[in-house]
Amino acid sequence: MEEASDGELLEMIKLIREGQKVLSAAIKPQGFNVGLNFGRCGGAGLPGHLHIHIVPRWEGDTNFMSVCGDTKVISQSLIELQQLLKRTSKELNLPGL
């Protein structure tokens, strides 16, 4: 992150804003968690890599399932969600997404 230029940092923040906008319109979450991972031991997987998570949240989603028996709950297929987000991005004129 310390190697990113001011322009790159601004672009990342704008992408977070656009990602939040499209998720809000498409699936109507009540809140968000946004996190940055950088460096191998920071969760980015590769040296010099940086990525951002935008996690939609709803009242009462305690995320306990991943702690109990390594279970994951998926209420919608990822392909279906990707198609919905692409359509919504186009409708909102968010070309960066």
C-alpha atoms as a PDB file:
ATOM      1  CA  MET A   1       0.000   0.000   0.000  1.00  0.00           C
ATOM      2  CA  GLU A   2       2.857   2.353   0.765  1.00  0.00           C
ATOM      3  CA  GLU A   3       4.046   1.958  -2.831  1.00  0.00           C
ATOM      4  CA  ALA A   4       0.699   2.997  -4.344  1.00  0.00           C
ATOM      5  CA  SER A   5       0.549   6.443  -5.892  1.00  0.00           C
ATOM      6  CA  ASP A   6      -2.015   9.006  -4.796  1.00  0.00           C
ATOM      7  CA  GLY A   7      -3.839   8.415  -8.082  1.00  0.00           C
ATOM      8  CA  GLU A   8      -3.957   4.654  -7.500  1.00  0.00           C
ATOM      9  CA  LEU A   9      -5.244   5.135  -3.943  1.00  0.00           C
ATOM     10  CA  LEU A  10      -7.940   7.528  -5.168  1.00  0.00           C
ATOM     11  CA  GLU A  11      -8.962   5.057  -7.878  1.00  0.00           C
ATOM     12  CA  MET A  12      -9.282   2.279  -5.268  1.00  0.00           C
ATOM     13  CA  ILE A  13     -11.524   4.415  -3.056  1.00  0.00           C
ATOM     14  CA  LYS A  14     -13.681   5.326  -6.059  1.00  0.00           C
ATOM     15  CA  LEU A  15     -14.005   1.632  -6.962  1.00  0.00           C
ATOM     16  CA  ILE A  16     -15.077   0.865  -3.384  1.00  0.00           C
ATOM     17  CA  ARG A  17     -17.737   3.575  -3.682  1.00  0.00           C
ATOM     18  CA  GLU A  18     -18.965   2.194  -7.020  1.00  0.00           C
ATOM     19  CA  GLY A  19     -18.938  -1.365  -5.659  1.00  0.00           C
ATOM     20  CA  GLN A  20     -21.004  -0.285  -2.677  1.00  0.00           C
ATOM     21  CA  LYS A  21     -23.395   1.586  -4.974  1.00  0.00           C
ATOM     22  CA  VAL A  22     -24.006  -1.414  -7.238  1.00  0.00           C
ATOM     23  CA  LEU A  23     -24.357  -3.838  -4.315  1.00  0.00           C
ATOM     24  CA  SER A  24     -26.818  -1.467  -2.617  1.00  0.00           C
ATOM     25  CA  ALA A  25     -28.964  -1.256  -5.729  1.00  0.00           C
ATOM     26  CA  ALA A  26     -28.791  -4.957  -6.575  1.00  0.00           C
ATOM     27  CA  ILE A  27     -29.135  -6.766  -3.243  1.00  0.00           C
ATOM     28  CA  LYS A  28     -30.073  -4.003  -0.784  1.00  0.00           C
ATOM     29  CA  PRO A  29     -27.771  -4.721   2.174  1.00  0.00           C
ATOM     30  CA  GLN A  30     -28.208  -2.734   5.373  1.00  0.00           C
ATOM     31  CA  GLY A  31     -24.469  -2.069   5.807  1.00  0.00           C
ATOM     32  CA  PHE A  32     -20.989  -2.982   4.608  1.00  0.00           C
ATOM     33  CA  ASN A  33     -17.602  -4.117   5.829  1.00  0.00           C
ATOM     34  CA  VAL A  34     -14.673  -2.988   3.691  1.00  0.00           C
ATOM     35  CA  GLY A  35     -11.245  -4.509   4.184  1.00  0.00           C
ATOM     36  CA  LEU A  36      -7.831  -4.330   2.552  1.00  0.00           C
ATOM     37  CA  ASN A  37      -5.428  -7.251   2.339  1.00  0.00           C
ATOM     38  CA  PHE A  38      -1.837  -6.698   1.329  1.00  0.00           C
ATOM     39  CA  GLY A  39       1.243  -8.867   1.517  1.00  0.00           C
ATOM     40  CA  ARG A  40       1.398 -12.655   1.754  1.00  0.00           C
ATOM     41  CA  CYS A  41       0.832 -12.957   5.511  1.00  0.00           C
ATOM     42  CA  GLY A  42      -1.771 -10.162   5.390  1.00  0.00           C
ATOM     43  CA  GLY A  43      -4.058 -12.409   3.354  1.00  0.00           C
ATOM     44  CA  ALA A  44      -3.247 -11.171  -0.137  1.00  0.00           C
ATOM     45  CA  GLY A  45      -1.488 -14.432  -1.037  1.00  0.00           C
ATOM     46  CA  LEU A  46       1.317 -12.892  -3.077  1.00  0.00           C
ATOM     47  CA  PRO A  47       4.141 -10.520  -2.211  1.00  0.00           C
ATOM     48  CA  GLY A  48       3.362  -7.017  -3.435  1.00  0.00           C
ATOM     49  CA  HIS A  49      -0.327  -7.831  -3.993  1.00  0.00           C
ATOM     50  CA  LEU A  50      -3.185  -5.727  -2.645  1.00  0.00           C
ATOM     51  CA  HIS A  51      -6.903  -6.407  -2.841  1.00  0.00           C
ATOM     52  CA  ILE A  52     -10.099  -5.092  -1.297  1.00  0.00           C
ATOM     53  CA  HIS A  53     -13.144  -6.892   0.099  1.00  0.00           C
ATOM     54  CA  ILE A  54     -16.535  -5.185   0.046  1.00  0.00           C
ATOM     55  CA  VAL A  55     -18.816  -7.332   2.188  1.00  0.00           C
ATOM     56  CA  PRO A  56     -22.559  -6.598   2.214  1.00  0.00           C
ATOM     57  CA  ARG A  57     -24.135  -7.054   5.660  1.00  0.00           C
ATOM     58  CA  TRP A  58     -27.647  -7.417   7.049  1.00  0.00           C
ATOM     59  CA  GLU A  59     -29.006  -7.076  10.569  1.00  0.00           C
ATOM     60  CA  GLY A  60     -28.507 -10.375  12.361  1.00  0.00           C
ATOM     61  CA  ASP A  61     -25.952 -11.942   9.991  1.00  0.00           C
ATOM     62  CA  THR A  62     -23.538 -13.006  12.688  1.00  0.00           C
ATOM     63  CA  ASN A  63     -21.302 -15.079  10.389  1.00  0.00           C
ATOM     64  CA  PHE A  64     -21.301 -17.930  12.897  1.00  0.00           C
ATOM     65  CA  MET A  65     -21.665 -20.614  10.214  1.00  0.00           C
ATOM     66  CA  SER A  66     -18.027 -20.489   9.111  1.00  0.00           C
ATOM     67  CA  VAL A  67     -16.970 -21.128  12.718  1.00  0.00           C
ATOM     68  CA  CYS A  68     -19.294 -24.114  13.179  1.00  0.00           C
ATOM     69  CA  GLY A  69     -17.888 -27.126  11.343  1.00  0.00           C
ATOM     70  CA  ASP A  70     -16.300 -25.130   8.496  1.00  0.00           C
ATOM     71  CA  THR A  71     -19.779 -24.602   6.980  1.00  0.00           C
ATOM     72  CA  LYS A  72     -20.487 -21.911   4.400  1.00  0.00           C
ATOM     73  CA  VAL A  73     -23.977 -20.623   3.570  1.00  0.00           C
ATOM     74  CA  ILE A  74     -24.562 -19.546  -0.028  1.00  0.00           C
ATOM     75  CA  SER A  75     -28.091 -18.326  -0.706  1.00  0.00           C
ATOM     76  CA  GLN A  76     -27.477 -17.433  -4.356  1.00  0.00           C
ATOM     77  CA  SER A  77     -25.221 -18.877  -7.018  1.00  0.00           C
ATOM     78  CA  LEU A  78     -22.152 -16.784  -7.755  1.00  0.00           C
ATOM     79  CA  ILE A  79     -22.938 -16.852 -11.485  1.00  0.00           C
ATOM     80  CA  GLU A  80     -26.434 -15.506 -10.828  1.00  0.00           C
ATOM     81  CA  LEU A  81     -25.037 -12.774  -8.566  1.00  0.00           C
ATOM     82  CA  GLN A  82     -22.374 -11.848 -11.140  1.00  0.00           C
ATOM     83  CA  GLN A  83     -25.041 -11.478 -13.842  1.00  0.00           C
ATOM     84  CA  LEU A  84     -27.198  -9.331 -11.532  1.00  0.00           C
ATOM     85  CA  LEU A  85     -24.254  -7.089 -10.643  1.00  0.00           C
ATOM     86  CA  LYS A  86     -23.270  -6.698 -14.321  1.00  0.00           C
ATOM     87  CA  ARG A  87     -26.828  -5.696 -15.259  1.00  0.00           C
ATOM     88  CA  THR A  88     -27.082  -3.298 -12.340  1.00  0.00           C
ATOM     89  CA  SER A  89     -23.657  -1.759 -13.132  1.00  0.00           C
ATOM     90  CA  LYS A  90     -24.797  -1.122 -16.681  1.00  0.00           C
ATOM     91  CA  GLU A  91     -28.102   0.416 -15.498  1.00  0.00           C
ATOM     92  CA  LEU A  92     -26.232   2.693 -13.084  1.00  0.00           C
ATOM     93  CA  ASN A  93     -23.645   3.611 -15.747  1.00  0.00           C
ATOM     94  CA  LEU A  94     -20.715   2.340 -13.694  1.00  0.00           C
ATOM     95  CA  PRO A  95     -18.263   1.412 -16.458  1.00  0.00           C
ATOM     96  CA  GLY A  96     -15.403   0.700 -14.037  1.00  0.00           C
ATOM     97  CA  LEU A  97     -17.149  -2.359 -12.646  1.00  0.00           C
END
